[in-house]
Amino acid sequence: MSTLRESFEHFRDGDFSDEELAHASGLSERALREMLKFGAVKTFRGGKGTGNKRSWKRKALNTSSIARACNLAGLSLPMAARLSVQYLDMYVFQNSDPMLNLAKWEQLGAEHPISRWISDEFTVSKVDPLFDGYIHITDGWLVTVQVGPGKYTDDYADAAEALDMSRSHIAILSPDGTRLKLWQARRTRMRSSDEIKDHYGQDYESFLDSTTGGDRDPNVTVSLADYTFRNPVTRTSINATMAMRSAMRRAMGLTVKLVPDAE
């Protein structure tokens, strides 16, 4: 039986079979194959030829777990995949989400969020208001990423101000929910096309082209985006960090309950 450390180190640095990835992420193996066909995830090895089984790394698990959460929120699988990749791509440079800037075992202290997330405290799935990052879709068109204020609490006077400063409008969703216009109201460095090609490969660049609508809409200003976010008619929120956290716990063989046991 694996120790907690062994389970964590396998999650962090090991690889997963189709069955293990599907179990941990919650996506079916068929949906994973679709994600692979889109170019939204990449295999670690294998996958071609009889008996040559695929294996996957942690990045594919993170991507597929966020995509499943977006899919549950009503987005098509292609758009769910697109938003999950966009969330992960932003954080390559921000490193705000503890699930993405994942510490090594030796770096985990008692108060480190990852230490808490793999403890019994999170046996029942719940929000961590300091560190959870969200994808918000406001009024059906404005896509916003918001990190938890944990990174910001030392710099700002209160959590409300920290949450506001951690928000970045990233995209505009088409009315039919099938196209995405990339847009940055608050500047966060985005990858160039060459970086995208080098990092993800040609398949992902084709996937990006198929789900992105080109230049930003000149009618959408920072003030309009801010006003819409603060005064929503509707808002759908996807807790991307919780999705990855639950996948991590399942991959480690830890219990994940959606609700507490009845007393």
Foldseek 3Di string as FASTA:
>chain_A
DDDLQRLLCCQQPNKAFLVLLCQLQVNHSVLLVVCVQLLLADWPDFDDDPPGTTIHHNVSSLLSNQLVLVVVLPADSLLSSVVSSVVLQLCVQVVQACLNVPDRPVPDDCPDPLNCLLDPVCLEQDDDQQFWKKWKQFPNWWTKIWGRLVVPPVPDDDRVVSRVVRMWTFWTADNVRQAIAGDTQPDGDGDDPVRCCVPRNPSNSVSNVRRYDDHDDPVDHSVNSVVRVVDGPDMDMGRSSSSSSSSSCVSSVRHYHNDDDDD
